[in-house]
Amino acid sequence: MICLANDFLGSLREYGVLWWASVGANNFGHHSYCSSSRPTSLDCGLPANEQSPYNETFTRLQFSSDATFIQSGKTSKIQANLVSRYLKPYTTLRYFPDGIQNCYNLNVEKGRKHLIRASFVYGNYDGHDIKPVFDLYLGPNLWATIDLETQVNGTRKDMFHIPTSNSLKVCLVKTGETTPLLSALELRPVDNDSYITRSGSLSQQYRYYLSKSGSHPR
């Protein structure tokens, strides 16, 4: 059985329509995901002795190690008895016991809309059963507070964003005693007429399952 949280897409077989709320003004256009640019999918904490890149068998997405995108953090795997409940990218993680802020540096196309997706699974990797709470930043701006105390099976955050330069930072920020972590980070260029807004970025607010299909939209 695949384990799901209400807003976690790591192993989702069941999701249909996405509802989005704009950080800027709400003015939606048609929703096209087509893009000629190659997406980036990072398996955070993938061990150095495992194949990278690899094709995830269920989604058919190609994931690579995150090691060249960040210089800090330590790597681990979720608890062994939980591994079968998640897709491969969400069975490993990078955690950040040192420093207040740790950032991934991503290459992007300036002025091109991107779907940015960050996934988080605690999975009792440290054996302490203390689920972390921390902040997620996109550049200098707060994106979301990640609360794995309430999302015990994991959570995922999606954002449509148009970078103003050719580089982008995704940062995990410690806000208390617990340790930030990240399971997977994905970056997908999309057409600029996807989810049109007058300004700002789009952050996912709700997801509803409206289909009986067993397929996994990517």
Protein backbone atom coordinates (compact mmCIF):
# COMPACT_ATOMS: atom_id res chain seq x y z
CA MET A 1 0.00 0.00 0.00
CA ILE A 2 1.29 3.47 -0.92
CA CYS A 3 1.25 5.97 1.92
CA LEU A 4 -0.28 9.40 1.27
CA ALA A 5 -0.76 12.65 3.10
CA ASN A 6 -3.56 15.03 2.17
CA ASP A 7 -1.19 17.37 0.33
CA PHE A 8 1.67 15.00 -0.48
CA LEU A 9 2.27 13.92 -4.09
CA GLY A 10 5.38 11.85 -3.49
CA SER A 11 3.59 8.59 -4.12
CA LEU A 12 0.23 9.83 -5.27
CA ARG A 13 -1.83 7.61 -7.53
CA GLU A 14 -4.97 9.63 -6.85
CA TYR A 15 -5.15 13.22 -7.86
CA GLY A 16 -7.06 15.08 -10.48
CA VAL A 17 -7.66 18.83 -10.55
CA LEU A 18 -5.22 21.29 -8.97
CA TRP A 19 -6.53 24.46 -7.39
CA TRP A 20 -4.07 27.31 -7.06
CA ALA A 21 -4.03 30.62 -5.19
CA SER A 22 -1.90 33.44 -6.47
CA VAL A 23 0.66 35.21 -4.37
CA GLY A 24 0.04 38.09 -6.75
CA ALA A 25 -3.25 38.85 -8.52
CA ASN A 26 -5.60 36.02 -9.51
CA ASN A 27 -6.15 36.04 -13.26
CA PHE A 28 -5.87 32.52 -14.60
CA GLY A 29 -5.33 31.69 -18.23
CA HIS A 30 -5.31 28.27 -19.87
CA HIS A 31 -3.19 25.60 -18.25
CA SER A 32 -0.44 24.29 -20.53
CA TYR A 33 2.54 22.40 -19.13
CA CYS A 34 4.32 21.99 -22.47
CA SER A 35 7.99 22.94 -22.52
CA SER A 36 11.00 22.17 -24.66
CA SER A 37 13.45 22.69 -21.78
CA ARG A 38 14.66 19.76 -19.73
CA PRO A 39 13.31 19.45 -16.18
CA THR A 40 15.49 18.83 -13.12
CA SER A 41 14.45 16.24 -10.53
CA LEU A 42 16.72 15.84 -7.51
CA ASP A 43 16.66 12.85 -5.17
CA CYS A 44 17.93 14.53 -2.02
CA GLY A 45 20.31 12.36 -0.03
CA LEU A 46 20.75 9.72 -2.75
CA PRO A 47 23.74 7.63 -1.60
CA ALA A 48 26.93 8.08 -3.63
CA ASN A 49 27.08 4.34 -4.34
CA GLU A 50 23.66 4.31 -6.03
CA GLN A 51 23.01 5.01 -9.69
CA SER A 52 22.50 8.64 -10.67
CA PRO A 53 20.57 9.53 -12.69
CA TYR A 54 17.92 6.80 -12.56
CA ASN A 55 14.39 6.45 -13.89
CA GLU A 56 11.71 6.20 -11.22
CA THR A 57 9.63 3.24 -12.36
CA PHE A 58 6.15 4.48 -11.40
CA THR A 59 6.29 8.07 -12.66
CA ARG A 60 8.98 7.39 -15.30
CA LEU A 61 10.70 10.61 -14.24
CA GLN A 62 14.49 10.74 -14.21
CA PHE A 63 15.98 11.67 -10.82
CA SER A 64 19.57 12.63 -10.04
CA SER A 65 21.62 13.11 -6.89
CA ASP A 66 21.41 16.55 -5.27
CA ALA A 67 25.10 16.49 -4.25
CA THR A 68 26.25 19.06 -6.81
CA PHE A 69 23.51 21.54 -5.96
CA ILE A 70 24.30 22.06 -2.28
CA GLN A 71 27.45 21.95 -0.17
CA SER A 72 25.91 21.46 3.26
CA GLY A 73 23.73 18.95 5.07
CA LYS A 74 23.92 15.25 5.84
CA THR A 75 22.16 12.36 4.15
CA SER A 76 20.01 9.54 5.48
CA LYS A 77 17.20 7.11 4.65
CA ILE A 78 13.76 6.80 6.17
CA GLN A 79 13.06 3.97 8.59
CA ALA A 80 13.40 0.58 6.87
CA ASN A 81 9.84 -0.57 7.62
CA LEU A 82 8.46 2.52 5.85
CA VAL A 83 10.46 2.27 2.61
CA SER A 84 7.88 0.15 0.78
CA ARG A 85 5.21 2.79 1.34
CA TYR A 86 6.96 5.48 -0.71
CA LEU A 87 8.39 5.94 -4.17
CA LYS A 88 12.19 5.74 -4.32
CA PRO A 89 12.96 9.51 -4.33
CA TYR A 90 11.14 9.91 -1.01
CA THR A 91 12.99 7.15 0.82
CA THR A 92 16.16 9.22 1.11
CA LEU A 93 16.62 12.74 2.43
CA ARG A 94 19.11 15.46 3.20
CA TYR A 95 18.88 17.00 6.64
CA PHE A 96 20.51 20.13 8.02
CA PRO A 97 21.62 20.00 11.66
CA ASP A 98 24.11 22.86 11.23
CA GLY A 99 23.40 26.52 10.55
CA ILE A 100 20.16 28.44 10.42
CA GLN A 101 19.76 28.59 6.65
CA ASN A 102 20.85 26.07 4.01
CA CYS A 103 20.20 26.70 0.33
CA TYR A 104 20.07 24.83 -2.94
CA ASN A 105 21.43 26.76 -5.92
CA LEU A 106 19.54 26.06 -9.14
CA ASN A 107 20.20 27.17 -12.70
CA VAL A 108 17.08 28.59 -14.33
CA GLU A 109 16.09 30.51 -17.42
CA LYS A 110 15.51 34.18 -16.60
CA GLY A 111 11.99 35.30 -17.48
CA ARG A 112 10.76 31.72 -18.05
CA LYS A 113 7.98 30.35 -15.88
CA HIS A 114 8.99 27.34 -13.79
CA LEU A 115 7.12 24.84 -11.68
CA ILE A 116 9.13 24.36 -8.48
CA ARG A 117 8.24 21.36 -6.33
CA ALA A 118 9.69 20.51 -2.91
CA SER A 119 8.79 17.24 -1.13
CA PHE A 120 9.35 16.33 2.50
CA VAL A 121 9.16 12.95 4.27
CA TYR A 122 10.51 12.54 7.80
CA GLY A 123 10.06 8.78 8.07
CA ASN A 124 11.72 8.68 11.51
CA TYR A 125 15.11 8.63 9.75
CA ASP A 126 16.93 9.48 13.00
CA GLY A 127 14.98 7.11 15.25
CA HIS A 128 13.94 9.98 17.53
CA ASP A 129 10.33 10.24 16.31
CA ILE A 130 10.50 14.03 16.59
CA LYS A 131 8.87 15.45 13.48
CA PRO A 132 10.36 18.78 12.41
CA VAL A 133 8.82 22.19 11.80
CA PHE A 134 10.77 24.72 9.73
CA ASP A 135 10.45 27.34 7.01
CA LEU A 136 10.92 27.01 3.26
CA TYR A 137 12.15 30.06 1.34
CA LEU A 138 12.24 30.83 -2.37
CA GLY A 139 15.10 33.29 -2.66
CA PRO A 140 14.60 35.93 0.05
CA ASN A 141 10.86 35.29 0.35
CA LEU A 142 9.03 32.92 2.69
CA TRP A 143 7.34 30.23 0.62
CA ALA A 144 5.79 28.02 3.32
CA THR A 145 6.12 26.68 6.83
CA ILE A 146 6.72 22.93 6.71
CA ASP A 147 4.98 21.23 9.63
CA LEU A 148 5.63 17.50 9.63
CA GLU A 149 4.04 17.22 13.08
CA THR A 150 0.65 17.56 11.38
CA GLN A 151 1.57 16.06 7.99
CA VAL A 152 2.95 12.83 9.43
CA ASN A 153 3.14 10.99 6.08
CA GLY A 154 4.93 13.85 4.37
CA THR A 155 4.01 16.93 2.41
CA ARG A 156 4.79 18.65 -0.85
CA LYS A 157 4.81 22.30 -1.88
CA ASP A 158 4.37 23.51 -5.46
CA MET A 159 4.98 26.98 -6.84
CA PHE A 160 4.85 28.55 -10.30
CA HIS A 161 7.54 31.23 -10.43
CA ILE A 162 9.23 33.44 -13.04
CA PRO A 163 12.88 34.04 -12.05
CA THR A 164 14.38 37.49 -12.50
CA SER A 165 17.89 36.06 -12.97
CA ASN A 166 19.50 32.86 -14.23
CA SER A 167 19.94 31.44 -10.74
CA LEU A 168 17.50 30.62 -7.98
CA LYS A 169 17.89 29.64 -4.35
CA VAL A 170 15.57 27.29 -2.48
CA CYS A 171 16.39 27.51 1.24
CA LEU A 172 15.47 25.56 4.35
CA VAL A 173 15.48 27.68 7.49
CA LYS A 174 15.59 26.42 11.06
CA THR A 175 12.97 28.11 13.24
CA GLY A 176 13.15 26.07 16.45
CA GLU A 177 14.82 23.03 17.95
CA THR A 178 14.04 20.57 15.15
CA THR A 179 16.11 19.89 12.04
CA PRO A 180 15.01 20.90 8.51
CA LEU A 181 15.06 18.24 5.81
CA LEU A 182 14.26 17.78 2.13
CA SER A 183 13.39 14.57 0.26
CA ALA A 184 13.13 15.76 -3.34
CA LEU A 185 13.38 18.99 -5.29
CA GLU A 186 12.01 19.35 -8.80
CA LEU A 187 12.26 22.18 -11.30
CA ARG A 188 10.23 22.14 -14.51
CA PRO A 189 10.23 24.94 -17.09
CA VAL A 190 6.73 25.52 -18.46
CA ASP A 191 5.16 27.78 -21.05
CA ASN A 192 4.76 31.36 -19.87
CA ASP A 193 1.04 31.26 -20.71
CA SER A 194 0.48 28.53 -18.11
CA TYR A 195 -1.58 29.79 -15.14
CA ILE A 196 -1.38 33.44 -16.16
CA THR A 197 -1.35 36.11 -13.43
CA ARG A 198 -0.91 39.85 -13.66
CA SER A 199 2.02 39.63 -11.25
CA GLY A 200 3.65 37.46 -8.64
CA SER A 201 3.90 33.68 -8.29
CA LEU A 202 1.35 30.93 -7.83
CA SER A 203 1.45 28.68 -4.78
CA GLN A 204 -0.70 25.56 -4.56
CA GLN A 205 -3.52 25.80 -2.04
CA TYR A 206 -5.81 22.81 -2.62
CA ARG A 207 -5.92 19.53 -4.50
CA TYR A 208 -9.06 17.50 -5.19
CA TYR A 209 -9.26 13.94 -6.49
CA LEU A 210 -11.89 13.88 -9.26
CA SER A 211 -10.84 10.86 -11.28
CA LYS A 212 -10.85 7.07 -10.97
CA SER A 213 -7.79 6.84 -13.19
CA GLY A 214 -4.85 4.92 -11.75
CA SER A 215 -2.36 6.87 -13.86
CA HIS A 216 0.14 9.29 -12.37
CA PRO A 217 0.17 12.71 -14.13
CA ARG A 218 3.69 14.05 -14.10
